[in-house]
Structures are given as C-alpha cells and as structure tokens.
C-alpha cells in the first residue's frame, strides 16, 4: 500500500467554559492515506442507497478514532462506511455532500 497522500481526519472535542457550557471545537489530525476511486459496484450500490461515493482511502487502522469527516485536497468529505481490510489496514469510503465546508 502506497500511503503517500496527506489527508486530515476532522473530529470534535468539547471544552467547558466558565458557565459549564460545553463548547465544540474542531480538531484536525494529519495522516497518510492511499486514495483511489471507488469500484463501480460501490458507486452503483451507493447510488441506490442515496449516497454519492467518491473515494476509497486506505489508512493504518490504529490512526482512526471514529471521525466522521476527512479532508483531502482542501475539501471535506463525509465518511459513510469503513471496512477492515487486512492486517492493520482500514478502508474509509467517503462522499461529498451538503454541509461539508
């Protein structure tokens, strides 16, 4: 696996202000991924289920902490499915949809 592309996993952490209100804060973590197109089967089945699959990103599984957003080339994508491939490789299937800034 050629993990040469830089991507950012985007998650939220919450901090408490002086009034006890939890304030969400976006945090990005840089990781490396192997980015490729989705298969025609993934694209077709995703479309049938109201999804718009764009990429498959293969990453080192321990780097993933359940984030729902990944940033690639300055564009944020929603992670709609994960798949544990072999050894310590995790595949993230992503789509771009309204609400991704």
PDB file of N, CA and C in Angstrom:
ATOM      1  N   UNK A   1       0.836  -1.173   0.000  1.00  0.00           N
ATOM      2  CA  UNK A   1       0.000   0.000   0.000  1.00  0.00           C
ATOM      3  C   UNK A   1       0.884   1.239   0.000  1.00  0.00           C
ATOM      4  N   UNK A   2       0.616   2.131  -0.909  1.00  0.00           N
ATOM      5  CA  UNK A   2       1.365   3.390  -1.011  1.00  0.00           C
ATOM      6  C   UNK A   2       0.619   4.468  -0.245  1.00  0.00           C
ATOM      7  N   UNK A   3       1.027   4.721   0.986  1.00  0.00           N
ATOM      8  CA  UNK A   3       0.360   5.734   1.810  1.00  0.00           C
ATOM      9  C   UNK A   3       1.100   7.061   1.678  1.00  0.00           C
ATOM     10  N   UNK A   4       1.037   7.656   0.516  1.00  0.00           N
ATOM     11  CA  UNK A   4       1.832   8.854   0.279  1.00  0.00           C
ATOM     12  C   UNK A   4       1.015  10.139   0.225  1.00  0.00           C
ATOM     13  N   UNK A   5      -0.304  10.056   0.324  1.00  0.00           N
ATOM     14  CA  UNK A   5      -1.150  11.240   0.243  1.00  0.00           C
ATOM     15  C   UNK A   5      -1.492  11.734   1.645  1.00  0.00           C
ATOM     16  N   UNK A   6      -1.336  13.035   1.847  1.00  0.00           N
ATOM     17  CA  UNK A   6      -1.675  13.623   3.135  1.00  0.00           C
ATOM     18  C   UNK A   6      -3.169  13.926   3.174  1.00  0.00           C
ATOM     19  N   UNK A   7      -3.849  13.450   4.210  1.00  0.00           N
ATOM     20  CA  UNK A   7      -5.254  13.762   4.463  1.00  0.00           C
ATOM     21  C   UNK A   7      -5.371  14.166   5.931  1.00  0.00           C
ATOM     22  N   UNK A   8      -6.504  14.738   6.287  1.00  0.00           N
ATOM     23  CA  UNK A   8      -6.723  15.171   7.671  1.00  0.00           C
ATOM     24  C   UNK A   8      -8.014  14.575   8.192  1.00  0.00           C
ATOM     25  N   UNK A   9      -7.940  13.863   9.293  1.00  0.00           N
ATOM     26  CA  UNK A   9      -9.138  13.404   9.979  1.00  0.00           C
ATOM     27  C   UNK A   9      -9.640  14.572  10.819  1.00  0.00           C
ATOM     28  N   UNK A  10     -10.923  14.866  10.708  1.00  0.00           N
ATOM     29  CA  UNK A  10     -11.508  16.015  11.391  1.00  0.00           C
ATOM     30  C   UNK A  10     -12.485  15.509  12.445  1.00  0.00           C
ATOM     31  N   UNK A  11     -12.231  15.888  13.683  1.00  0.00           N
ATOM     32  CA  UNK A  11     -13.103  15.488  14.784  1.00  0.00           C
ATOM     33  C   UNK A  11     -13.455  16.672  15.648  1.00  0.00           C
ATOM     34  N   UNK A  12     -14.312  16.439  16.615  1.00  0.00           N
ATOM     35  CA  UNK A  12     -14.707  17.492  17.542  1.00  0.00           C
ATOM     36  C   UNK A  12     -14.301  17.120  18.950  1.00  0.00           C
ATOM     37  N   UNK A  13     -13.803  18.102  19.670  1.00  0.00           N
ATOM     38  CA  UNK A  13     -13.564  17.958  21.104  1.00  0.00           C
ATOM     39  C   UNK A  13     -14.376  19.047  21.788  1.00  0.00           C
ATOM     40  N   UNK A  14     -14.767  18.794  23.010  1.00  0.00           N
ATOM     41  CA  UNK A  14     -15.590  19.745  23.743  1.00  0.00           C
ATOM     42  C   UNK A  14     -14.830  20.265  24.951  1.00  0.00           C
ATOM     43  N   UNK A  15     -14.843  21.571  25.114  1.00  0.00           N
ATOM     44  CA  UNK A  15     -14.253  22.202  26.287  1.00  0.00           C
ATOM     45  C   UNK A  15     -15.370  22.911  27.040  1.00  0.00           C
ATOM     46  N   UNK A  16     -15.198  23.001  28.337  1.00  0.00           N
ATOM     47  CA  UNK A  16     -16.220  23.611  29.169  1.00  0.00           C
ATOM     48  C   UNK A  16     -15.828  25.051  29.489  1.00  0.00           C
ATOM     49  N   UNK A  17     -16.761  25.984  29.283  1.00  0.00           N
ATOM     50  CA  UNK A  17     -16.460  27.382  29.608  1.00  0.00           C
ATOM     51  C   UNK A  17     -16.732  27.629  31.091  1.00  0.00           C
ATOM     52  N   UNK A  18     -16.583  28.880  31.527  1.00  0.00           N
ATOM     53  CA  UNK A  18     -16.719  29.211  32.953  1.00  0.00           C
ATOM     54  C   UNK A  18     -18.130  29.008  33.481  1.00  0.00           C
ATOM     55  N   UNK A  19     -19.118  28.871  32.581  1.00  0.00           N
ATOM     56  CA  UNK A  19     -20.508  28.650  32.988  1.00  0.00           C
ATOM     57  C   UNK A  19     -20.916  27.178  32.918  1.00  0.00           C
ATOM     58  N   UNK A  20     -19.978  26.328  32.563  1.00  0.00           N
ATOM     59  CA  UNK A  20     -20.258  24.902  32.480  1.00  0.00           C
ATOM     60  C   UNK A  20     -20.839  24.459  31.149  1.00  0.00           C
ATOM     61  N   UNK A  21     -20.896  25.362  30.183  1.00  0.00           N
ATOM     62  CA  UNK A  21     -21.433  25.038  28.862  1.00  0.00           C
ATOM     63  C   UNK A  21     -20.331  24.386  28.027  1.00  0.00           C
ATOM     64  N   UNK A  22     -20.667  23.269  27.381  1.00  0.00           N
ATOM     65  CA  UNK A  22     -19.704  22.588  26.528  1.00  0.00           C
ATOM     66  C   UNK A  22     -19.632  23.293  25.177  1.00  0.00           C
ATOM     67  N   UNK A  23     -18.442  23.663  24.787  1.00  0.00           N
ATOM     68  CA  UNK A  23     -18.207  24.364  23.525  1.00  0.00           C
ATOM     69  C   UNK A  23     -17.468  23.422  22.575  1.00  0.00           C
ATOM     70  N   UNK A  24     -18.069  23.124  21.395  1.00  0.00           N
ATOM     71  CA  UNK A  24     -17.379  22.236  20.451  1.00  0.00           C
ATOM     72  C   UNK A  24     -16.234  22.958  19.755  1.00  0.00           C
ATOM     73  N   UNK A  25     -15.167  22.232  19.525  1.00  0.00           N
ATOM     74  CA  UNK A  25     -14.008  22.769  18.812  1.00  0.00           C
ATOM     75  C   UNK A  25     -13.541  21.716  17.815  1.00  0.00           C
ATOM     76  N   UNK A  26     -13.311  22.144  16.582  1.00  0.00           N
ATOM     77  CA  UNK A  26     -12.863  21.230  15.535  1.00  0.00           C
ATOM     78  C   UNK A  26     -11.360  21.001  15.650  1.00  0.00           C
ATOM     79  N   UNK A  27     -10.959  19.742  15.574  1.00  0.00           N
ATOM     80  CA  UNK A  27      -9.544  19.375  15.609  1.00  0.00           C
ATOM     81  C   UNK A  27      -9.220  18.541  14.379  1.00  0.00           C
ATOM     82  N   UNK A  28      -8.094  18.870  13.725  1.00  0.00           N
ATOM     83  CA  UNK A  28      -7.631  18.105  12.560  1.00  0.00           C
ATOM     84  C   UNK A  28      -6.362  17.357  12.928  1.00  0.00           C
ATOM     85  N   UNK A  29      -6.284  16.117  12.435  1.00  0.00           N
ATOM     86  CA  UNK A  29      -5.069  15.323  12.598  1.00  0.00           C
ATOM     87  C   UNK A  29      -4.581  14.889  11.230  1.00  0.00           C
ATOM     88  N   UNK A  30      -3.312  15.167  10.949  1.00  0.00           N
ATOM     89  CA  UNK A  30      -2.732  14.783   9.668  1.00  0.00           C
ATOM     90  C   UNK A  30      -2.350  13.303   9.702  1.00  0.00           C
ATOM     91  N   UNK A  31      -2.736  12.581   8.662  1.00  0.00           N
ATOM     92  CA  UNK A  31      -2.319  11.193   8.479  1.00  0.00           C
ATOM     93  C   UNK A  31      -1.995  10.990   7.002  1.00  0.00           C
ATOM     94  N   UNK A  32      -1.468   9.828   6.687  1.00  0.00           N
ATOM     95  CA  UNK A  32      -1.185   9.472   5.298  1.00  0.00           C
ATOM     96  C   UNK A  32      -2.165   8.401   4.857  1.00  0.00           C
ATOM     97  N   UNK A  33      -2.559   8.474   3.593  1.00  0.00           N
ATOM     98  CA  UNK A  33      -3.539   7.530   3.054  1.00  0.00           C
ATOM     99  C   UNK A  33      -3.206   7.187   1.617  1.00  0.00           C
ATOM    100  N   UNK A  34      -3.712   6.049   1.205  1.00  0.00           N
ATOM    101  CA  UNK A  34      -3.685   5.640  -0.197  1.00  0.00           C
ATOM    102  C   UNK A  34      -5.079   5.943  -0.732  1.00  0.00           C
ATOM    103  N   UNK A  35      -5.204   6.934  -1.606  1.00  0.00           N
ATOM    104  CA  UNK A  35      -6.504   7.379  -2.108  1.00  0.00           C
ATOM    105  C   UNK A  35      -6.732   6.804  -3.497  1.00  0.00           C
ATOM    106  N   UNK A  36      -7.906   6.217  -3.690  1.00  0.00           N
ATOM    107  CA  UNK A  36      -8.262   5.684  -5.007  1.00  0.00           C
ATOM    108  C   UNK A  36      -9.756   5.880  -5.245  1.00  0.00           C
ATOM    109  N   UNK A  37     -10.173   5.656  -6.465  1.00  0.00           N
ATOM    110  CA  UNK A  37     -11.593   5.738  -6.804  1.00  0.00           C
ATOM    111  C   UNK A  37     -12.323   4.545  -6.198  1.00  0.00           C
ATOM    112  N   UNK A  38     -13.615   4.694  -6.009  1.00  0.00           N
ATOM    113  CA  UNK A  38     -14.412   3.557  -5.554  1.00  0.00           C
ATOM    114  C   UNK A  38     -14.663   2.646  -6.757  1.00  0.00           C
ATOM    115  N   UNK A  39     -14.992   1.405  -6.476  1.00  0.00           N
ATOM    116  CA  UNK A  39     -15.298   0.466  -7.558  1.00  0.00           C
ATOM    117  C   UNK A  39     -16.653   0.814  -8.164  1.00  0.00           C
ATOM    118  N   UNK A  40     -16.896   0.309  -9.338  1.00  0.00           N
ATOM    119  CA  UNK A  40     -18.189   0.575  -9.983  1.00  0.00           C
ATOM    120  C   UNK A  40     -19.329  -0.027  -9.161  1.00  0.00           C
ATOM    121  N   UNK A  41     -19.091  -1.154  -8.525  1.00  0.00           N
ATOM    122  CA  UNK A  41     -20.106  -1.780  -7.684  1.00  0.00           C
ATOM    123  C   UNK A  41     -20.430  -0.891  -6.489  1.00  0.00           C
ATOM    124  N   UNK A  42     -19.392  -0.369  -5.833  1.00  0.00           N
ATOM    125  CA  UNK A  42     -19.589   0.534  -4.688  1.00  0.00           C
ATOM    126  C   UNK A  42     -20.351   1.784  -5.130  1.00  0.00           C
ATOM    127  N   UNK A  43     -19.986   2.328  -6.270  1.00  0.00           N
ATOM    128  CA  UNK A  43     -20.638   3.524  -6.772  1.00  0.00           C
ATOM    129  C   UNK A  43     -22.115   3.253  -7.075  1.00  0.00           C
ATOM    130  N   UNK A  44     -22.385   2.121  -7.740  1.00  0.00           N
ATOM    131  CA  UNK A  44     -23.759   1.777  -8.111  1.00  0.00           C
ATOM    132  C   UNK A  44     -24.613   1.507  -6.880  1.00  0.00           C
ATOM    133  N   UNK A  45     -24.113   0.670  -5.970  1.00  0.00           N
ATOM    134  CA  UNK A  45     -24.871   0.334  -4.763  1.00  0.00           C
ATOM    135  C   UNK A  45     -25.059   1.563  -3.871  1.00  0.00           C
ATOM    136  N   UNK A  46     -24.038   2.403  -3.793  1.00  0.00           N
ATOM    137  CA  UNK A  46     -24.166   3.632  -3.015  1.00  0.00           C
ATOM    138  C   UNK A  46     -25.248   4.530  -3.577  1.00  0.00           C
ATOM    139  N   UNK A  47     -25.265   4.670  -4.898  1.00  0.00           N
ATOM    140  CA  UNK A  47     -26.282   5.479  -5.547  1.00  0.00           C
ATOM    141  C   UNK A  47     -27.682   4.963  -5.294  1.00  0.00           C
ATOM    142  N   UNK A  48     -27.836   3.655  -5.269  1.00  0.00           N
ATOM    143  CA  UNK A  48     -29.142   3.046  -4.987  1.00  0.00           C
ATOM    144  C   UNK A  48     -29.602   3.338  -3.569  1.00  0.00           C
ATOM    145  N   UNK A  49     -28.653   3.611  -2.682  1.00  0.00           N
ATOM    146  CA  UNK A  49     -28.966   3.866  -1.282  1.00  0.00           C
ATOM    147  C   UNK A  49     -28.887   5.345  -0.917  1.00  0.00           C
ATOM    148  N   UNK A  50     -28.889   6.212  -1.927  1.00  0.00           N
ATOM    149  CA  UNK A  50     -28.906   7.647  -1.682  1.00  0.00           C
ATOM    150  C   UNK A  50     -27.549   8.245  -1.355  1.00  0.00           C
ATOM    151  N   UNK A  51     -26.479   7.514  -1.624  1.00  0.00           N
ATOM    152  CA  UNK A  51     -25.129   8.008  -1.369  1.00  0.00           C
ATOM    153  C   UNK A  51     -24.486   8.455  -2.676  1.00  0.00           C
ATOM    154  N   UNK A  52     -23.392   9.184  -2.548  1.00  0.00           N
ATOM    155  CA  UNK A  52     -22.634   9.624  -3.714  1.00  0.00           C
ATOM    156  C   UNK A  52     -21.157   9.282  -3.484  1.00  0.00           C
ATOM    157  N   UNK A  53     -20.788   7.995  -3.528  1.00  0.00           N
ATOM    158  CA  UNK A  53     -19.414   7.592  -3.242  1.00  0.00           C
ATOM    159  C   UNK A  53     -18.409   8.246  -4.175  1.00  0.00           C
ATOM    160  N   UNK A  54     -17.290   8.739  -3.579  1.00  0.00           N
ATOM    161  CA  UNK A  54     -16.272   9.386  -4.403  1.00  0.00           C
ATOM    162  C   UNK A  54     -14.913   8.720  -4.312  1.00  0.00           C
ATOM    163  N   UNK A  55     -14.458   8.423  -3.092  1.00  0.00           N
ATOM    164  CA  UNK A  55     -13.114   7.862  -2.919  1.00  0.00           C
ATOM    165  C   UNK A  55     -13.105   6.738  -1.904  1.00  0.00           C
ATOM    166  N   UNK A  56     -12.093   5.891  -2.046  1.00  0.00           N
ATOM    167  CA  UNK A  56     -11.737   4.902  -1.029  1.00  0.00           C
ATOM    168  C   UNK A  56     -10.368   5.315  -0.519  1.00  0.00           C
ATOM    169  N   UNK A  57     -10.250   5.465   0.779  1.00  0.00           N
ATOM    170  CA  UNK A  57      -8.979   5.855   1.383  1.00  0.00           C
ATOM    171  C   UNK A  57      -8.534   4.752   2.327  1.00  0.00           C
ATOM    172  N   UNK A  58      -7.353   4.224   2.050  1.00  0.00           N
ATOM    173  CA  UNK A  58      -6.818   3.146   2.886  1.00  0.00           C
ATOM    174  C   UNK A  58      -5.805   3.758   3.848  1.00  0.00           C
ATOM    175  N   UNK A  59      -6.039   3.523   5.147  1.00  0.00           N
ATOM    176  CA  UNK A  59      -5.189   4.102   6.185  1.00  0.00           C
ATOM    177  C   UNK A  59      -4.745   3.025   7.162  1.00  0.00           C
ATOM    178  N   UNK A  60      -3.794   3.365   8.013  1.00  0.00           N
ATOM    179  CA  UNK A  60      -3.345   2.496   9.093  1.00  0.00           C
ATOM    180  C   UNK A  60      -4.440   2.525  10.158  1.00  0.00           C
ATOM    181  N   UNK A  61      -5.060   1.391  10.430  1.00  0.00           N
ATOM    182  CA  UNK A  61      -6.249   1.312  11.281  1.00  0.00           C
ATOM    183  C   UNK A  61      -6.112   1.989  12.646  1.00  0.00           C
ATOM    184  N   UNK A  62      -4.991   1.834  13.371  1.00  0.00           N
ATOM    185  CA  UNK A  62      -4.904   2.481  14.680  1.00  0.00           C
ATOM    186  C   UNK A  62      -4.955   4.009  14.644  1.00  0.00           C
ATOM    187  N   UNK A  63      -4.798   4.617  13.465  1.00  0.00           N
ATOM    188  CA  UNK A  63      -4.866   6.075  13.365  1.00  0.00           C
ATOM    189  C   UNK A  63      -6.305   6.595  13.371  1.00  0.00           C
ATOM    190  N   UNK A  64      -7.265   5.711  13.167  1.00  0.00           N
ATOM    191  CA  UNK A  64      -8.663   6.130  13.063  1.00  0.00           C
ATOM    192  C   UNK A  64      -9.351   6.041  14.418  1.00  0.00           C
ATOM    193  N   UNK A  65     -10.005   7.139  14.796  1.00  0.00           N
ATOM    194  CA  UNK A  65     -10.679   7.203  16.101  1.00  0.00           C
ATOM    195  C   UNK A  65     -12.161   7.523  15.953  1.00  0.00           C
ATOM    196  N   UNK A  66     -12.786   7.033  14.897  1.00  0.00           N
ATOM    197  CA  UNK A  66     -14.216   7.212  14.718  1.00  0.00           C
ATOM    198  C   UNK A  66     -14.651   8.543  14.135  1.00  0.00           C
ATOM    199  N   UNK A  67     -13.724   9.289  13.552  1.00  0.00           N
ATOM    200  CA  UNK A  67     -14.087  10.572  12.946  1.00  0.00           C
ATOM    201  C   UNK A  67     -15.110  10.367  11.828  1.00  0.00           C
ATOM    202  N   UNK A  68     -15.939  11.371  11.612  1.00  0.00           N
ATOM    203  CA  UNK A  68     -16.960  11.316  10.564  1.00  0.00           C
ATOM    204  C   UNK A  68     -16.600  12.148   9.336  1.00  0.00           C
ATOM    205  N   UNK A  69     -15.549  12.974   9.448  1.00  0.00           N
ATOM    206  CA  UNK A  69     -15.134  13.864   8.359  1.00  0.00           C
ATOM    207  C   UNK A  69     -13.651  13.636   8.063  1.00  0.00           C
ATOM    208  N   UNK A  70     -13.314  13.665   6.774  1.00  0.00           N
ATOM    209  CA  UNK A  70     -11.909  13.606   6.359  1.00  0.00           C
ATOM    210  C   UNK A  70     -11.696  14.701   5.315  1.00  0.00           C
ATOM    211  N   UNK A  71     -10.550  15.356   5.381  1.00  0.00           N
ATOM    212  CA  UNK A  71     -10.242  16.432   4.437  1.00  0.00           C
ATOM    213  C   UNK A  71      -9.150  15.962   3.483  1.00  0.00           C
ATOM    214  N   UNK A  72      -9.411  16.153   2.198  1.00  0.00           N
ATOM    215  CA  UNK A  72      -8.492  15.728   1.150  1.00  0.00           C
ATOM    216  C   UNK A  72      -8.431  16.834   0.101  1.00  0.00           C
ATOM    217  N   UNK A  73      -7.238  17.328  -0.202  1.00  0.00           N
ATOM    218  CA  UNK A  73      -7.043  18.429  -1.162  1.00  0.00           C
ATOM    219  C   UNK A  73      -7.887  19.650  -0.816  1.00  0.00           C
ATOM    220  N   UNK A  74      -8.017  19.946   0.474  1.00  0.00           N
ATOM    221  CA  UNK A  74      -8.760  21.123   0.908  1.00  0.00           C
ATOM    222  C   UNK A  74     -10.272  20.979   0.903  1.00  0.00           C
ATOM    223  N   UNK A  75     -10.776  19.798   0.573  1.00  0.00           N
ATOM    224  CA  UNK A  75     -12.221  19.552   0.520  1.00  0.00           C
ATOM    225  C   UNK A  75     -12.572  18.548   1.603  1.00  0.00           C
ATOM    226  N   UNK A  76     -13.649  18.817   2.336  1.00  0.00           N
ATOM    227  CA  UNK A  76     -14.075  17.898   3.379  1.00  0.00           C
ATOM    228  C   UNK A  76     -15.092  16.908   2.833  1.00  0.00           C
ATOM    229  N   UNK A  77     -14.914  15.651   3.213  1.00  0.00           N
ATOM    230  CA  UNK A  77     -15.785  14.563   2.793  1.00  0.00           C
ATOM    231  C   UNK A  77     -16.330  13.866   4.037  1.00  0.00           C
ATOM    232  N   UNK A  78     -17.532  13.319   3.917  1.00  0.00           N
ATOM    233  CA  UNK A  78     -18.136  12.547   4.989  1.00  0.00           C
ATOM    234  C   UNK A  78     -17.746  11.081   4.823  1.00  0.00           C
ATOM    235  N   UNK A  79     -17.333  10.465   5.914  1.00  0.00           N
ATOM    236  CA  UNK A  79     -17.029   9.033   5.904  1.00  0.00           C
ATOM    237  C   UNK A  79     -18.348   8.301   6.132  1.00  0.00           C
ATOM    238  N   UNK A  80     -18.815   7.557   5.140  1.00  0.00           N
ATOM    239  CA  UNK A  80     -20.096   6.877   5.275  1.00  0.00           C
ATOM    240  C   UNK A  80     -19.950   5.384   5.564  1.00  0.00           C
ATOM    241  N   UNK A  81     -18.731   4.847   5.377  1.00  0.00           N
ATOM    242  CA  UNK A  81     -18.537   3.415   5.631  1.00  0.00           C
ATOM    243  C   UNK A  81     -17.067   3.148   5.872  1.00  0.00           C
ATOM    244  N   UNK A  82     -16.793   2.226   6.775  1.00  0.00           N
ATOM    245  CA  UNK A  82     -15.424   1.761   6.996  1.00  0.00           C
ATOM    246  C   UNK A  82     -15.399   0.253   6.768  1.00  0.00           C
ATOM    247  N   UNK A  83     -14.224  -0.244   6.401  1.00  0.00           N
ATOM    248  CA  UNK A  83     -14.067  -1.677   6.167  1.00  0.00           C
ATOM    249  C   UNK A  83     -12.673  -2.089   6.610  1.00  0.00           C
ATOM    250  N   UNK A  84     -12.602  -3.048   7.510  1.00  0.00           N
ATOM    251  CA  UNK A  84     -11.316  -3.571   7.969  1.00  0.00           C
ATOM    252  C   UNK A  84     -10.806  -4.520   6.901  1.00  0.00           C
ATOM    253  N   UNK A  85      -9.770  -4.094   6.191  1.00  0.00           N
ATOM    254  CA  UNK A  85      -9.224  -4.894   5.093  1.00  0.00           C
ATOM    255  C   UNK A  85      -8.364  -6.022   5.670  1.00  0.00           C
ATOM    256  N   UNK A  86      -7.093  -5.953   5.487  1.00  0.00           N
ATOM    257  CA  UNK A  86      -6.208  -6.985   6.010  1.00  0.00           C
ATOM    258  C   UNK A  86      -5.210  -6.348   6.959  1.00  0.00           C
ATOM    259  N   UNK A  87      -4.679  -7.148   7.848  1.00  0.00           N
ATOM    260  CA  UNK A  87      -3.700  -6.694   8.837  1.00  0.00           C
ATOM    261  C   UNK A  87      -4.206  -5.435   9.542  1.00  0.00           C
ATOM    262  N   UNK A  88      -3.466  -4.361   9.450  1.00  0.00           N
ATOM    263  CA  UNK A  88      -3.831  -3.113  10.120  1.00  0.00           C
ATOM    264  C   UNK A  88      -4.296  -2.052   9.130  1.00  0.00           C
ATOM    265  N   UNK A  89      -4.941  -2.468   8.054  1.00  0.00           N
ATOM    266  CA  UNK A  89      -5.412  -1.530   7.037  1.00  0.00           C
ATOM    267  C   UNK A  89      -6.924  -1.359   7.170  1.00  0.00           C
ATOM    268  N   UNK A  90      -7.356  -0.103   7.196  1.00  0.00           N
ATOM    269  CA  UNK A  90      -8.768   0.228   7.264  1.00  0.00           C
ATOM    270  C   UNK A  90      -9.121   1.035   6.021  1.00  0.00           C
ATOM    271  N   UNK A  91     -10.200   0.662   5.384  1.00  0.00           N
ATOM    272  CA  UNK A  91     -10.675   1.396   4.216  1.00  0.00           C
ATOM    273  C   UNK A  91     -11.791   2.329   4.645  1.00  0.00           C
ATOM    274  N   UNK A  92     -11.671   3.596   4.259  1.00  0.00           N
ATOM    275  CA  UNK A  92     -12.704   4.590   4.515  1.00  0.00           C
ATOM    276  C   UNK A  92     -13.354   4.938   3.186  1.00  0.00           C
ATOM    277  N   UNK A  93     -14.657   4.831   3.123  1.00  0.00           N
ATOM    278  CA  UNK A  93     -15.393   5.189   1.916  1.00  0.00           C
ATOM    279  C   UNK A  93     -16.045   6.541   2.175  1.00  0.00           C
ATOM    280  N   UNK A  94     -15.805   7.487   1.270  1.00  0.00           N
ATOM    281  CA  UNK A  94     -16.217   8.866   1.537  1.00  0.00           C
ATOM    282  C   UNK A  94     -17.065   9.438   0.417  1.00  0.00           C
ATOM    283  N   UNK A  95     -17.865  10.430   0.794  1.00  0.00           N
ATOM    284  CA  UNK A  95     -18.685  11.166  -0.157  1.00  0.00           C
ATOM    285  C   UNK A  95     -18.684  12.627   0.216  1.00  0.00           C
ATOM    286  N   UNK A  96     -18.918  13.460  -0.760  1.00  0.00           N
ATOM    287  CA  UNK A  96     -19.051  14.892  -0.517  1.00  0.00           C
ATOM    288  C   UNK A  96     -20.533  15.194  -0.542  1.00  0.00           C
ATOM    289  N   UNK A  97     -21.006  15.888   0.464  1.00  0.00           N
ATOM    290  CA  UNK A  97     -22.424  16.228   0.485  1.00  0.00           C
ATOM    291  C   UNK A  97     -22.619  17.596   1.091  1.00  0.00           C
ATOM    292  N   UNK A  98     -23.810  18.119   0.964  1.00  0.00           N
ATOM    293  CA  UNK A  98     -24.129  19.434   1.502  1.00  0.00           C
ATOM    294  C   UNK A  98     -23.817  19.435   2.995  1.00  0.00           C
ATOM    295  N   UNK A  99     -23.257  20.520   3.451  1.00  0.00           N
ATOM    296  CA  UNK A  99     -22.893  20.617   4.862  1.00  0.00           C
ATOM    297  C   UNK A  99     -21.420  20.439   5.082  1.00  0.00           C
ATOM    298  N   UNK A 100     -20.711  19.824   4.126  1.00  0.00           N
ATOM    299  CA  UNK A 100     -19.264  19.733   4.218  1.00  0.00           C
ATOM    300  C   UNK A 100     -18.715  21.060   3.728  1.00  0.00           C
ATOM    301  N   UNK A 101     -18.026  21.758   4.614  1.00  0.00           N
ATOM    302  CA  UNK A 101     -17.492  23.073   4.238  1.00  0.00           C
ATOM    303  C   UNK A 101     -16.240  22.933   3.433  1.00  0.00           C
TER     304      UNK A 101
END
